[in-house]
PDB file of N, CA and C in Angstrom:
ATOM      1  N   UNK A   1     -54.020  -3.502 -69.693  1.00  0.00           N
ATOM      2  CA  UNK A   1     -53.582  -2.489 -68.766  1.00  0.00           C
ATOM      3  C   UNK A   1     -54.431  -2.606 -67.495  1.00  0.00           C
ATOM      4  N   UNK A   2     -53.796  -2.514 -66.365  1.00  0.00           N
ATOM      5  CA  UNK A   2     -54.474  -2.571 -65.075  1.00  0.00           C
ATOM      6  C   UNK A   2     -54.187  -1.301 -64.296  1.00  0.00           C
ATOM      7  N   UNK A   3     -55.211  -0.814 -63.637  1.00  0.00           N
ATOM      8  CA  UNK A   3     -55.064   0.381 -62.810  1.00  0.00           C
ATOM      9  C   UNK A   3     -55.384  -0.012 -61.378  1.00  0.00           C
ATOM     10  N   UNK A   4     -54.490   0.311 -60.481  1.00  0.00           N
ATOM     11  CA  UNK A   4     -54.720   0.067 -59.066  1.00  0.00           C
ATOM     12  C   UNK A   4     -54.858   1.405 -58.363  1.00  0.00           C
ATOM     13  N   UNK A   5     -55.790   1.444 -57.438  1.00  0.00           N
ATOM     14  CA  UNK A   5     -56.006   2.687 -56.696  1.00  0.00           C
ATOM     15  C   UNK A   5     -56.457   2.359 -55.279  1.00  0.00           C
ATOM     16  N   UNK A   6     -56.179   3.271 -54.396  1.00  0.00           N
ATOM     17  CA  UNK A   6     -56.649   3.163 -53.019  1.00  0.00           C
ATOM     18  C   UNK A   6     -57.670   4.273 -52.814  1.00  0.00           C
ATOM     19  N   UNK A   7     -58.906   3.877 -52.572  1.00  0.00           N
ATOM     20  CA  UNK A   7     -59.975   4.849 -52.368  1.00  0.00           C
ATOM     21  C   UNK A   7     -60.183   5.016 -50.865  1.00  0.00           C
ATOM     22  N   UNK A   8     -60.030   6.235 -50.404  1.00  0.00           N
ATOM     23  CA  UNK A   8     -60.209   6.526 -48.984  1.00  0.00           C
ATOM     24  C   UNK A   8     -61.665   6.939 -48.749  1.00  0.00           C
ATOM     25  N   UNK A   9     -62.366   6.150 -47.966  1.00  0.00           N
ATOM     26  CA  UNK A   9     -63.764   6.421 -47.651  1.00  0.00           C
ATOM     27  C   UNK A   9     -63.800   7.434 -46.509  1.00  0.00           C
ATOM     28  N   UNK A  10     -64.498   8.563 -46.683  1.00  0.00           N
ATOM     29  CA  UNK A  10     -64.499   9.578 -45.627  1.00  0.00           C
ATOM     30  C   UNK A  10     -65.167   9.114 -44.329  1.00  0.00           C
ATOM     31  N   UNK A  11     -66.266   8.349 -44.459  1.00  0.00           N
ATOM     32  CA  UNK A  11     -66.999   7.877 -43.278  1.00  0.00           C
ATOM     33  C   UNK A  11     -67.385   6.412 -43.494  1.00  0.00           C
ATOM     34  N   UNK A  12     -67.061   5.580 -42.513  1.00  0.00           N
ATOM     35  CA  UNK A  12     -67.432   4.164 -42.572  1.00  0.00           C
ATOM     36  C   UNK A  12     -68.674   3.948 -41.704  1.00  0.00           C
ATOM     37  N   UNK A  13     -69.679   3.306 -42.303  1.00  0.00           N
ATOM     38  CA  UNK A  13     -70.929   3.004 -41.602  1.00  0.00           C
ATOM     39  C   UNK A  13     -71.123   1.489 -41.657  1.00  0.00           C
ATOM     40  N   UNK A  14     -71.316   0.847 -40.496  1.00  0.00           N
ATOM     41  CA  UNK A  14     -71.418  -0.618 -40.468  1.00  0.00           C
ATOM     42  C   UNK A  14     -72.588  -1.131 -41.302  1.00  0.00           C
ATOM     43  N   UNK A  15     -73.698  -0.421 -41.311  1.00  0.00           N
ATOM     44  CA  UNK A  15     -74.823  -0.757 -42.182  1.00  0.00           C
ATOM     45  C   UNK A  15     -75.676   0.490 -42.386  1.00  0.00           C
ATOM     46  N   UNK A  16     -76.240   0.606 -43.561  1.00  0.00           N
ATOM     47  CA  UNK A  16     -77.144   1.726 -43.852  1.00  0.00           C
ATOM     48  C   UNK A  16     -78.602   1.264 -43.849  1.00  0.00           C
ATOM     49  N   UNK A  17     -78.806  -0.043 -43.644  1.00  0.00           N
ATOM     50  CA  UNK A  17     -80.147  -0.624 -43.636  1.00  0.00           C
ATOM     51  C   UNK A  17     -80.340  -1.397 -42.338  1.00  0.00           C
ATOM     52  N   UNK A  18     -81.407  -1.073 -41.615  1.00  0.00           N
ATOM     53  CA  UNK A  18     -81.687  -1.725 -40.338  1.00  0.00           C
ATOM     54  C   UNK A  18     -83.082  -2.335 -40.408  1.00  0.00           C
ATOM     55  N   UNK A  19     -83.196  -3.586 -39.956  1.00  0.00           N
ATOM     56  CA  UNK A  19     -84.488  -4.263 -39.890  1.00  0.00           C
ATOM     57  C   UNK A  19     -84.740  -4.677 -38.448  1.00  0.00           C
ATOM     58  N   UNK A  20     -85.838  -4.209 -37.892  1.00  0.00           N
ATOM     59  CA  UNK A  20     -86.235  -4.552 -36.525  1.00  0.00           C
ATOM     60  C   UNK A  20     -87.466  -5.451 -36.595  1.00  0.00           C
ATOM     61  N   UNK A  21     -87.399  -6.608 -35.960  1.00  0.00           N
ATOM     62  CA  UNK A  21     -88.490  -7.567 -36.001  1.00  0.00           C
ATOM     63  C   UNK A  21     -88.617  -8.237 -34.643  1.00  0.00           C
ATOM     64  N   UNK A  22     -89.845  -8.415 -34.190  1.00  0.00           N
ATOM     65  CA  UNK A  22     -90.040  -9.116 -32.931  1.00  0.00           C
ATOM     66  C   UNK A  22     -91.394  -8.836 -32.326  1.00  0.00           C
ATOM     67  N   UNK A  23     -91.585  -9.312 -31.105  1.00  0.00           N
ATOM     68  CA  UNK A  23     -92.855  -9.078 -30.420  1.00  0.00           C
ATOM     69  C   UNK A  23     -93.017  -7.607 -30.038  1.00  0.00           C
ATOM     70  N   UNK A  24     -94.249  -7.131 -30.128  1.00  0.00           N
ATOM     71  CA  UNK A  24     -94.530  -5.717 -29.864  1.00  0.00           C
ATOM     72  C   UNK A  24     -94.335  -5.336 -28.402  1.00  0.00           C
ATOM     73  N   UNK A  25     -94.370  -6.315 -27.508  1.00  0.00           N
ATOM     74  CA  UNK A  25     -94.258  -5.999 -26.080  1.00  0.00           C
ATOM     75  C   UNK A  25     -92.816  -5.984 -25.575  1.00  0.00           C
ATOM     76  N   UNK A  26     -91.844  -6.219 -26.452  1.00  0.00           N
ATOM     77  CA  UNK A  26     -90.429  -6.220 -26.048  1.00  0.00           C
ATOM     78  C   UNK A  26     -89.661  -5.108 -26.738  1.00  0.00           C
ATOM     79  N   UNK A  27     -88.582  -4.707 -26.111  1.00  0.00           N
ATOM     80  CA  UNK A  27     -87.697  -3.698 -26.693  1.00  0.00           C
ATOM     81  C   UNK A  27     -86.671  -4.417 -27.581  1.00  0.00           C
ATOM     82  N   UNK A  28     -86.652  -4.087 -28.868  1.00  0.00           N
ATOM     83  CA  UNK A  28     -85.719  -4.666 -29.832  1.00  0.00           C
ATOM     84  C   UNK A  28     -84.705  -3.578 -30.168  1.00  0.00           C
ATOM     85  N   UNK A  29     -83.411  -3.897 -30.125  1.00  0.00           N
ATOM     86  CA  UNK A  29     -82.363  -2.890 -30.328  1.00  0.00           C
ATOM     87  C   UNK A  29     -81.364  -3.338 -31.390  1.00  0.00           C
ATOM     88  N   UNK A  30     -80.931  -2.402 -32.209  1.00  0.00           N
ATOM     89  CA  UNK A  30     -79.853  -2.607 -33.178  1.00  0.00           C
ATOM     90  C   UNK A  30     -78.864  -1.452 -33.001  1.00  0.00           C
ATOM     91  N   UNK A  31     -77.575  -1.748 -33.228  1.00  0.00           N
ATOM     92  CA  UNK A  31     -76.530  -0.738 -33.073  1.00  0.00           C
ATOM     93  C   UNK A  31     -75.772  -0.601 -34.385  1.00  0.00           C
ATOM     94  N   UNK A  32     -75.514   0.642 -34.780  1.00  0.00           N
ATOM     95  CA  UNK A  32     -74.764   0.953 -35.996  1.00  0.00           C
ATOM     96  C   UNK A  32     -73.476   1.651 -35.587  1.00  0.00           C
ATOM     97  N   UNK A  33     -72.356   1.195 -36.136  1.00  0.00           N
ATOM     98  CA  UNK A  33     -71.050   1.816 -35.890  1.00  0.00           C
ATOM     99  C   UNK A  33     -70.745   2.801 -37.008  1.00  0.00           C
ATOM    100  N   UNK A  34     -70.348   4.006 -36.639  1.00  0.00           N
ATOM    101  CA  UNK A  34     -69.942   5.024 -37.610  1.00  0.00           C
ATOM    102  C   UNK A  34     -68.561   5.507 -37.204  1.00  0.00           C
ATOM    103  N   UNK A  35     -67.626   5.498 -38.155  1.00  0.00           N
ATOM    104  CA  UNK A  35     -66.271   5.945 -37.822  1.00  0.00           C
ATOM    105  C   UNK A  35     -65.695   6.816 -38.928  1.00  0.00           C
ATOM    106  N   UNK A  36     -64.804   7.702 -38.524  1.00  0.00           N
ATOM    107  CA  UNK A  36     -64.146   8.627 -39.448  1.00  0.00           C
ATOM    108  C   UNK A  36     -63.105   7.872 -40.263  1.00  0.00           C
ATOM    109  N   UNK A  37     -63.067   8.152 -41.561  1.00  0.00           N
ATOM    110  CA  UNK A  37     -62.063   7.556 -42.434  1.00  0.00           C
ATOM    111  C   UNK A  37     -60.966   8.537 -42.787  1.00  0.00           C
ATOM    112  N   UNK A  38     -61.143   9.787 -42.392  1.00  0.00           N
ATOM    113  CA  UNK A  38     -60.151  10.830 -42.652  1.00  0.00           C
ATOM    114  C   UNK A  38     -59.493  11.231 -41.334  1.00  0.00           C
ATOM    115  N   UNK A  39     -58.436  12.015 -41.428  1.00  0.00           N
ATOM    116  CA  UNK A  39     -57.715  12.408 -40.211  1.00  0.00           C
ATOM    117  C   UNK A  39     -58.418  13.516 -39.431  1.00  0.00           C
ATOM    118  N   UNK A  40     -59.239  14.325 -40.105  1.00  0.00           N
ATOM    119  CA  UNK A  40     -59.920  15.405 -39.380  1.00  0.00           C
ATOM    120  C   UNK A  40     -61.063  14.841 -38.534  1.00  0.00           C
ATOM    121  N   UNK A  41     -61.353  15.488 -37.391  1.00  0.00           N
ATOM    122  CA  UNK A  41     -62.403  15.004 -36.492  1.00  0.00           C
ATOM    123  C   UNK A  41     -63.777  14.996 -37.167  1.00  0.00           C
ATOM    124  N   UNK A  42     -64.553  13.984 -36.858  1.00  0.00           N
ATOM    125  CA  UNK A  42     -65.901  13.830 -37.389  1.00  0.00           C
ATOM    126  C   UNK A  42     -66.910  14.285 -36.343  1.00  0.00           C
ATOM    127  N   UNK A  43     -67.896  15.063 -36.791  1.00  0.00           N
ATOM    128  CA  UNK A  43     -68.994  15.477 -35.921  1.00  0.00           C
ATOM    129  C   UNK A  43     -70.298  15.040 -36.590  1.00  0.00           C
ATOM    130  N   UNK A  44     -71.184  14.463 -35.793  1.00  0.00           N
ATOM    131  CA  UNK A  44     -72.472  13.985 -36.295  1.00  0.00           C
ATOM    132  C   UNK A  44     -73.576  14.588 -35.435  1.00  0.00           C
ATOM    133  N   UNK A  45     -74.608  15.126 -36.107  1.00  0.00           N
ATOM    134  CA  UNK A  45     -75.789  15.617 -35.392  1.00  0.00           C
ATOM    135  C   UNK A  45     -77.037  15.123 -36.130  1.00  0.00           C
ATOM    136  N   UNK A  46     -78.143  14.922 -35.414  1.00  0.00           N
ATOM    137  CA  UNK A  46     -79.376  14.488 -36.073  1.00  0.00           C
ATOM    138  C   UNK A  46     -79.902  15.566 -37.011  1.00  0.00           C
ATOM    139  N   UNK A  47     -80.405  15.152 -38.162  1.00  0.00           N
ATOM    140  CA  UNK A  47     -81.005  16.084 -39.119  1.00  0.00           C
ATOM    141  C   UNK A  47     -82.513  15.854 -39.195  1.00  0.00           C
ATOM    142  N   UNK A  48     -82.928  14.601 -39.404  1.00  0.00           N
ATOM    143  CA  UNK A  48     -84.359  14.293 -39.431  1.00  0.00           C
ATOM    144  C   UNK A  48     -84.587  12.829 -39.070  1.00  0.00           C
ATOM    145  N   UNK A  49     -85.782  12.569 -38.541  1.00  0.00           N
ATOM    146  CA  UNK A  49     -86.155  11.222 -38.124  1.00  0.00           C
ATOM    147  C   UNK A  49     -87.668  11.134 -38.203  1.00  0.00           C
ATOM    148  N   UNK A  50     -88.194  10.162 -38.951  1.00  0.00           N
ATOM    149  CA  UNK A  50     -89.640  10.105 -39.149  1.00  0.00           C
ATOM    150  C   UNK A  50     -90.328   8.914 -38.471  1.00  0.00           C
ATOM    151  N   UNK A  51     -89.655   8.295 -37.501  1.00  0.00           N
ATOM    152  CA  UNK A  51     -90.254   7.152 -36.807  1.00  0.00           C
ATOM    153  C   UNK A  51     -90.309   7.340 -35.288  1.00  0.00           C
ATOM    154  N   UNK A  52     -90.386   8.570 -34.834  1.00  0.00           N
ATOM    155  CA  UNK A  52     -90.330   8.853 -33.392  1.00  0.00           C
ATOM    156  C   UNK A  52     -91.463   8.195 -32.611  1.00  0.00           C
ATOM    157  N   UNK A  53     -92.580   7.874 -33.265  1.00  0.00           N
ATOM    158  CA  UNK A  53     -93.695   7.228 -32.572  1.00  0.00           C
ATOM    159  C   UNK A  53     -93.485   5.725 -32.394  1.00  0.00           C
ATOM    160  N   UNK A  54     -92.505   5.131 -33.095  1.00  0.00           N
ATOM    161  CA  UNK A  54     -92.264   3.681 -33.025  1.00  0.00           C
ATOM    162  C   UNK A  54     -90.859   3.300 -32.558  1.00  0.00           C
ATOM    163  N   UNK A  55     -89.887   4.168 -32.831  1.00  0.00           N
ATOM    164  CA  UNK A  55     -88.476   3.863 -32.562  1.00  0.00           C
ATOM    165  C   UNK A  55     -87.849   5.029 -31.807  1.00  0.00           C
ATOM    166  N   UNK A  56     -86.970   4.707 -30.865  1.00  0.00           N
ATOM    167  CA  UNK A  56     -86.150   5.747 -30.238  1.00  0.00           C
ATOM    168  C   UNK A  56     -84.714   5.531 -30.702  1.00  0.00           C
ATOM    169  N   UNK A  57     -83.929   6.590 -30.681  1.00  0.00           N
ATOM    170  CA  UNK A  57     -82.527   6.442 -31.077  1.00  0.00           C
ATOM    171  C   UNK A  57     -81.651   7.292 -30.174  1.00  0.00           C
ATOM    172  N   UNK A  58     -80.391   6.894 -30.100  1.00  0.00           N
ATOM    173  CA  UNK A  58     -79.403   7.686 -29.377  1.00  0.00           C
ATOM    174  C   UNK A  58     -78.098   7.635 -30.154  1.00  0.00           C
ATOM    175  N   UNK A  59     -77.321   8.702 -30.039  1.00  0.00           N
ATOM    176  CA  UNK A  59     -76.011   8.779 -30.682  1.00  0.00           C
ATOM    177  C   UNK A  59     -74.987   8.972 -29.578  1.00  0.00           C
ATOM    178  N   UNK A  60     -74.030   8.057 -29.508  1.00  0.00           N
ATOM    179  CA  UNK A  60     -73.004   8.126 -28.472  1.00  0.00           C
ATOM    180  C   UNK A  60     -71.629   8.205 -29.132  1.00  0.00           C
ATOM    181  N   UNK A  61     -70.870   9.225 -28.755  1.00  0.00           N
ATOM    182  CA  UNK A  61     -69.507   9.372 -29.264  1.00  0.00           C
ATOM    183  C   UNK A  61     -68.593   8.531 -28.373  1.00  0.00           C
ATOM    184  N   UNK A  62     -68.038   7.442 -28.907  1.00  0.00           N
ATOM    185  CA  UNK A  62     -67.216   6.539 -28.097  1.00  0.00           C
ATOM    186  C   UNK A  62     -65.733   6.886 -28.159  1.00  0.00           C
ATOM    187  N   UNK A  63     -65.323   7.530 -29.233  1.00  0.00           N
ATOM    188  CA  UNK A  63     -63.945   8.017 -29.362  1.00  0.00           C
ATOM    189  C   UNK A  63     -64.040   9.406 -29.979  1.00  0.00           C
ATOM    190  N   UNK A  64     -63.604  10.412 -29.266  1.00  0.00           N
ATOM    191  CA  UNK A  64     -63.835  11.798 -29.657  1.00  0.00           C
ATOM    192  C   UNK A  64     -63.393  12.085 -31.091  1.00  0.00           C
ATOM    193  N   UNK A  65     -64.370  12.514 -31.911  1.00  0.00           N
ATOM    194  CA  UNK A  65     -64.107  12.891 -33.293  1.00  0.00           C
ATOM    195  C   UNK A  65     -63.776  11.740 -34.223  1.00  0.00           C
ATOM    196  N   UNK A  66     -63.869  10.483 -33.735  1.00  0.00           N
ATOM    197  CA  UNK A  66     -63.470   9.330 -34.549  1.00  0.00           C
ATOM    198  C   UNK A  66     -64.553   8.260 -34.684  1.00  0.00           C
ATOM    199  N   UNK A  67     -65.267   7.973 -33.594  1.00  0.00           N
ATOM    200  CA  UNK A  67     -66.175   6.822 -33.607  1.00  0.00           C
ATOM    201  C   UNK A  67     -67.474   7.121 -32.857  1.00  0.00           C
ATOM    202  N   UNK A  68     -68.590   6.695 -33.453  1.00  0.00           N
ATOM    203  CA  UNK A  68     -69.918   6.880 -32.867  1.00  0.00           C
ATOM    204  C   UNK A  68     -70.692   5.570 -32.902  1.00  0.00           C
ATOM    205  N   UNK A  69     -71.587   5.410 -31.943  1.00  0.00           N
ATOM    206  CA  UNK A  69     -72.553   4.318 -31.947  1.00  0.00           C
ATOM    207  C   UNK A  69     -73.946   4.926 -32.032  1.00  0.00           C
ATOM    208  N   UNK A  70     -74.726   4.476 -32.999  1.00  0.00           N
ATOM    209  CA  UNK A  70     -76.122   4.892 -33.121  1.00  0.00           C
ATOM    210  C   UNK A  70     -76.959   3.692 -32.695  1.00  0.00           C
ATOM    211  N   UNK A  71     -77.746   3.873 -31.650  1.00  0.00           N
ATOM    212  CA  UNK A  71     -78.563   2.786 -31.102  1.00  0.00           C
ATOM    213  C   UNK A  71     -80.024   3.068 -31.447  1.00  0.00           C
ATOM    214  N   UNK A  72     -80.662   2.120 -32.138  1.00  0.00           N
ATOM    215  CA  UNK A  72     -82.078   2.203 -32.487  1.00  0.00           C
ATOM    216  C   UNK A  72     -82.828   1.163 -31.666  1.00  0.00           C
ATOM    217  N   UNK A  73     -83.890   1.581 -30.976  1.00  0.00           N
ATOM    218  CA  UNK A  73     -84.657   0.661 -30.129  1.00  0.00           C
ATOM    219  C   UNK A  73     -86.146   0.858 -30.356  1.00  0.00           C
ATOM    220  N   UNK A  74     -86.862  -0.251 -30.373  1.00  0.00           N
ATOM    221  CA  UNK A  74     -88.313  -0.171 -30.523  1.00  0.00           C
ATOM    222  C   UNK A  74     -88.936   0.363 -29.236  1.00  0.00           C
ATOM    223  N   UNK A  75     -90.104   0.958 -29.390  1.00  0.00           N
ATOM    224  CA  UNK A  75     -90.880   1.418 -28.243  1.00  0.00           C
ATOM    225  C   UNK A  75     -91.926   0.333 -27.980  1.00  0.00           C
ATOM    226  N   UNK A  76     -91.818  -0.400 -26.862  1.00  0.00           N
ATOM    227  CA  UNK A  76     -92.753  -1.503 -26.601  1.00  0.00           C
ATOM    228  C   UNK A  76     -94.210  -1.048 -26.654  1.00  0.00           C
ATOM    229  N   UNK A  77     -95.045  -1.924 -27.231  1.00  0.00           N
ATOM    230  CA  UNK A  77     -96.471  -1.631 -27.325  1.00  0.00           C
ATOM    231  C   UNK A  77     -96.910  -1.143 -28.689  1.00  0.00           C
ATOM    232  N   UNK A  78     -95.980  -0.929 -29.613  1.00  0.00           N
ATOM    233  CA  UNK A  78     -96.336  -0.454 -30.951  1.00  0.00           C
ATOM    234  C   UNK A  78     -96.250  -1.620 -31.931  1.00  0.00           C
ATOM    235  N   UNK A  79     -97.414  -2.145 -32.332  1.00  0.00           N
ATOM    236  CA  UNK A  79     -97.465  -3.278 -33.257  1.00  0.00           C
ATOM    237  C   UNK A  79     -97.666  -2.778 -34.684  1.00  0.00           C
ATOM    238  N   UNK A  80     -97.265  -3.607 -35.655  1.00  0.00           N
ATOM    239  CA  UNK A  80     -97.473  -3.303 -37.064  1.00  0.00           C
ATOM    240  C   UNK A  80     -96.179  -3.213 -37.843  1.00  0.00           C
ATOM    241  N   UNK A  81     -96.330  -2.931 -39.138  1.00  0.00           N
ATOM    242  CA  UNK A  81     -95.184  -2.771 -40.039  1.00  0.00           C
ATOM    243  C   UNK A  81     -94.900  -1.282 -40.224  1.00  0.00           C
ATOM    244  N   UNK A  82     -93.641  -0.962 -40.491  1.00  0.00           N
ATOM    245  CA  UNK A  82     -93.276   0.440 -40.684  1.00  0.00           C
ATOM    246  C   UNK A  82     -91.968   0.537 -41.458  1.00  0.00           C
ATOM    247  N   UNK A  83     -91.723   1.709 -41.988  1.00  0.00           N
ATOM    248  CA  UNK A  83     -90.434   2.012 -42.622  1.00  0.00           C
ATOM    249  C   UNK A  83     -90.214   3.512 -42.551  1.00  0.00           C
ATOM    250  N   UNK A  84     -88.948   3.891 -42.510  1.00  0.00           N
ATOM    251  CA  UNK A  84     -88.604   5.304 -42.431  1.00  0.00           C
ATOM    252  C   UNK A  84     -87.100   5.488 -42.480  1.00  0.00           C
ATOM    253  N   UNK A  85     -86.653   6.700 -42.176  1.00  0.00           N
ATOM    254  CA  UNK A  85     -85.225   7.005 -42.242  1.00  0.00           C
ATOM    255  C   UNK A  85     -84.782   7.860 -41.056  1.00  0.00           C
ATOM    256  N   UNK A  86     -83.509   7.690 -40.725  1.00  0.00           N
ATOM    257  CA  UNK A  86     -82.809   8.573 -39.798  1.00  0.00           C
ATOM    258  C   UNK A  86     -81.718   9.236 -40.620  1.00  0.00           C
ATOM    259  N   UNK A  87     -81.747  10.568 -40.694  1.00  0.00           N
ATOM    260  CA  UNK A  87     -80.716  11.307 -41.427  1.00  0.00           C
ATOM    261  C   UNK A  87     -79.827  12.028 -40.429  1.00  0.00           C
ATOM    262  N   UNK A  88     -78.528  11.864 -40.618  1.00  0.00           N
ATOM    263  CA  UNK A  88     -77.536  12.490 -39.756  1.00  0.00           C
ATOM    264  C   UNK A  88     -76.707  13.462 -40.574  1.00  0.00           C
ATOM    265  N   UNK A  89     -76.475  14.639 -40.021  1.00  0.00           N
ATOM    266  CA  UNK A  89     -75.657  15.653 -40.683  1.00  0.00           C
ATOM    267  C   UNK A  89     -74.222  15.520 -40.179  1.00  0.00           C
ATOM    268  N   UNK A  90     -73.248  15.630 -41.098  1.00  0.00           N
ATOM    269  CA  UNK A  90     -71.839  15.550 -40.711  1.00  0.00           C
ATOM    270  C   UNK A  90     -71.127  16.849 -41.072  1.00  0.00           C
ATOM    271  N   UNK A  91     -69.931  17.009 -40.555  1.00  0.00           N
ATOM    272  CA  UNK A  91     -69.125  18.187 -40.879  1.00  0.00           C
ATOM    273  C   UNK A  91     -68.164  17.913 -42.041  1.00  0.00           C
ATOM    274  N   UNK A  92     -68.274  16.764 -42.682  1.00  0.00           N
ATOM    275  CA  UNK A  92     -67.413  16.424 -43.816  1.00  0.00           C
ATOM    276  C   UNK A  92     -68.067  16.881 -45.122  1.00  0.00           C
ATOM    277  N   UNK A  93     -67.437  17.787 -45.872  1.00  0.00           N
ATOM    278  CA  UNK A  93     -68.010  18.174 -47.164  1.00  0.00           C
ATOM    279  C   UNK A  93     -68.030  17.004 -48.152  1.00  0.00           C
ATOM    280  N   UNK A  94     -67.137  16.027 -47.961  1.00  0.00           N
ATOM    281  CA  UNK A  94     -67.098  14.853 -48.834  1.00  0.00           C
ATOM    282  C   UNK A  94     -68.322  13.953 -48.629  1.00  0.00           C
ATOM    283  N   UNK A  95     -68.915  14.000 -47.442  1.00  0.00           N
ATOM    284  CA  UNK A  95     -70.097  13.199 -47.100  1.00  0.00           C
ATOM    285  C   UNK A  95     -70.919  13.992 -46.082  1.00  0.00           C
ATOM    286  N   UNK A  96     -71.697  14.992 -46.558  1.00  0.00           N
ATOM    287  CA  UNK A  96     -72.410  15.882 -45.633  1.00  0.00           C
ATOM    288  C   UNK A  96     -73.588  15.237 -44.900  1.00  0.00           C
ATOM    289  N   UNK A  97     -74.055  14.081 -45.393  1.00  0.00           N
ATOM    290  CA  UNK A  97     -75.229  13.463 -44.785  1.00  0.00           C
ATOM    291  C   UNK A  97     -75.115  11.936 -44.819  1.00  0.00           C
ATOM    292  N   UNK A  98     -75.565  11.316 -43.746  1.00  0.00           N
ATOM    293  CA  UNK A  98     -75.658   9.855 -43.668  1.00  0.00           C
ATOM    294  C   UNK A  98     -77.134   9.518 -43.532  1.00  0.00           C
ATOM    295  N   UNK A  99     -77.629   8.640 -44.394  1.00  0.00           N
ATOM    296  CA  UNK A  99     -79.019   8.208 -44.323  1.00  0.00           C
ATOM    297  C   UNK A  99     -79.062   6.746 -43.906  1.00  0.00           C
ATOM    298  N   UNK A 100     -79.818   6.460 -42.862  1.00  0.00           N
ATOM    299  CA  UNK A 100     -80.002   5.093 -42.384  1.00  0.00           C
ATOM    300  C   UNK A 100     -81.468   4.723 -42.618  1.00  0.00           C
ATOM    301  N   UNK A 101     -81.677   3.692 -43.424  1.00  0.00           N
ATOM    302  CA  UNK A 101     -83.022   3.232 -43.760  1.00  0.00           C
ATOM    303  C   UNK A 101     -83.462   2.196 -42.727  1.00  0.00           C
ATOM    304  N   UNK A 102     -84.671   2.371 -42.218  1.00  0.00           N
ATOM    305  CA  UNK A 102     -85.175   1.517 -41.140  1.00  0.00           C
ATOM    306  C   UNK A 102     -86.497   0.884 -41.576  1.00  0.00           C
ATOM    307  N   UNK A 103     -86.576  -0.428 -41.418  1.00  0.00           N
ATOM    308  CA  UNK A 103     -87.820  -1.168 -41.656  1.00  0.00           C
ATOM    309  C   UNK A 103     -88.077  -2.034 -40.442  1.00  0.00           C
ATOM    310  N   UNK A 104     -89.330  -2.339 -40.218  1.00  0.00           N
ATOM    311  CA  UNK A 104     -89.601  -3.199 -39.086  1.00  0.00           C
ATOM    312  C   UNK A 104     -90.989  -3.775 -39.072  1.00  0.00           C
ATOM    313  N   UNK A 105     -91.139  -4.760 -38.206  1.00  0.00           N
ATOM    314  CA  UNK A 105     -92.435  -5.393 -37.990  1.00  0.00           C
ATOM    315  C   UNK A 105     -92.475  -5.878 -36.550  1.00  0.00           C
ATOM    316  N   UNK A 106     -93.429  -5.364 -35.808  1.00  0.00           N
ATOM    317  CA  UNK A 106     -93.640  -5.794 -34.431  1.00  0.00           C
ATOM    318  C   UNK A 106     -95.012  -6.445 -34.361  1.00  0.00           C
ATOM    319  N   UNK A 107     -95.051  -7.648 -33.815  1.00  0.00           N
ATOM    320  CA  UNK A 107     -96.294  -8.415 -33.780  1.00  0.00           C
ATOM    321  C   UNK A 107     -96.825  -8.540 -32.360  1.00  0.00           C
ATOM    322  N   UNK A 108     -98.153  -8.450 -32.249  1.00  0.00           N
ATOM    323  CA  UNK A 108     -98.808  -8.713 -30.968  1.00  0.00           C
ATOM    324  C   UNK A 108     -98.841 -10.219 -30.766  1.00  0.00           C
ATOM    325  N   UNK A 109     -98.753 -10.641 -29.511  1.00  0.00           N
ATOM    326  CA  UNK A 109     -98.864 -12.073 -29.212  1.00  0.00           C
ATOM    327  C   UNK A 109    -100.297 -12.521 -29.471  1.00  0.00           C
ATOM    328  N   UNK A 110    -100.405 -13.701 -30.080  1.00  0.00           N
ATOM    329  CA  UNK A 110    -101.727 -14.297 -30.291  1.00  0.00           C
ATOM    330  C   UNK A 110    -101.900 -15.427 -29.284  1.00  0.00           C
ATOM    331  N   UNK A 111    -103.088 -15.577 -28.799  1.00  0.00           N
ATOM    332  CA  UNK A 111    -103.361 -16.588 -27.768  1.00  0.00           C
ATOM    333  C   UNK A 111    -102.943 -17.975 -28.239  1.00  0.00           C
ATOM    334  N   UNK A 112    -102.047 -18.603 -27.486  1.00  0.00           N
ATOM    335  CA  UNK A 112    -101.643 -19.973 -27.759  1.00  0.00           C
ATOM    336  C   UNK A 112    -100.569 -20.143 -28.814  1.00  0.00           C
ATOM    337  N   UNK A 113    -100.188 -19.092 -29.511  1.00  0.00           N
ATOM    338  CA  UNK A 113     -99.173 -19.202 -30.562  1.00  0.00           C
ATOM    339  C   UNK A 113     -97.997 -18.294 -30.265  1.00  0.00           C
ATOM    340  N   UNK A 114     -96.785 -18.790 -30.450  1.00  0.00           N
ATOM    341  CA  UNK A 114     -95.631 -17.889 -30.319  1.00  0.00           C
ATOM    342  C   UNK A 114     -95.606 -16.905 -31.482  1.00  0.00           C
ATOM    343  N   UNK A 115     -95.012 -15.753 -31.277  1.00  0.00           N
ATOM    344  CA  UNK A 115     -94.911 -14.736 -32.322  1.00  0.00           C
ATOM    345  C   UNK A 115     -94.130 -15.298 -33.495  1.00  0.00           C
ATOM    346  N   UNK A 116     -94.630 -15.062 -34.717  1.00  0.00           N
ATOM    347  CA  UNK A 116     -93.919 -15.491 -35.919  1.00  0.00           C
ATOM    348  C   UNK A 116     -94.519 -16.732 -36.555  1.00  0.00           C
ATOM    349  N   UNK A 117     -95.374 -17.482 -35.852  1.00  0.00           N
ATOM    350  CA  UNK A 117     -96.012 -18.665 -36.427  1.00  0.00           C
ATOM    351  C   UNK A 117     -97.318 -18.276 -37.093  1.00  0.00           C
ATOM    352  N   UNK A 118     -97.541 -18.809 -38.281  1.00  0.00           N
ATOM    353  CA  UNK A 118     -98.766 -18.520 -39.008  1.00  0.00           C
ATOM    354  C   UNK A 118     -99.901 -19.448 -38.587  1.00  0.00           C
ATOM    355  N   UNK A 119     -99.603 -20.453 -37.831  1.00  0.00           N
ATOM    356  CA  UNK A 119    -100.635 -21.312 -37.308  1.00  0.00           C
ATOM    357  C   UNK A 119    -100.538 -22.644 -37.908  1.00  0.00           C
TER     358      UNK A 119
END
């Protein structure tokens, strides 16, 4: 016996895991697409963010009630490894919260070596 079903996802998120890597003196950016999977309008607001000292973020509504872009960018000058989360609150009872996990590593330039080489 086979069962076929169509599962309607309330909210589509391009990725829930973001990795930022690069030199500490440059701005590194990643963009996440979030879109509504239901017919009712989607609203997203920030709930919590624990990396404000290393990462900045912005939420842009590109299609009213349907599509959002979340842009995460490093703050130049902050070296080291880190991890944290950005939590977004939604108006969908089927998916009241979106959690985006963020990891990263920003390296200071070493004299004579490009970033990323162990020597």
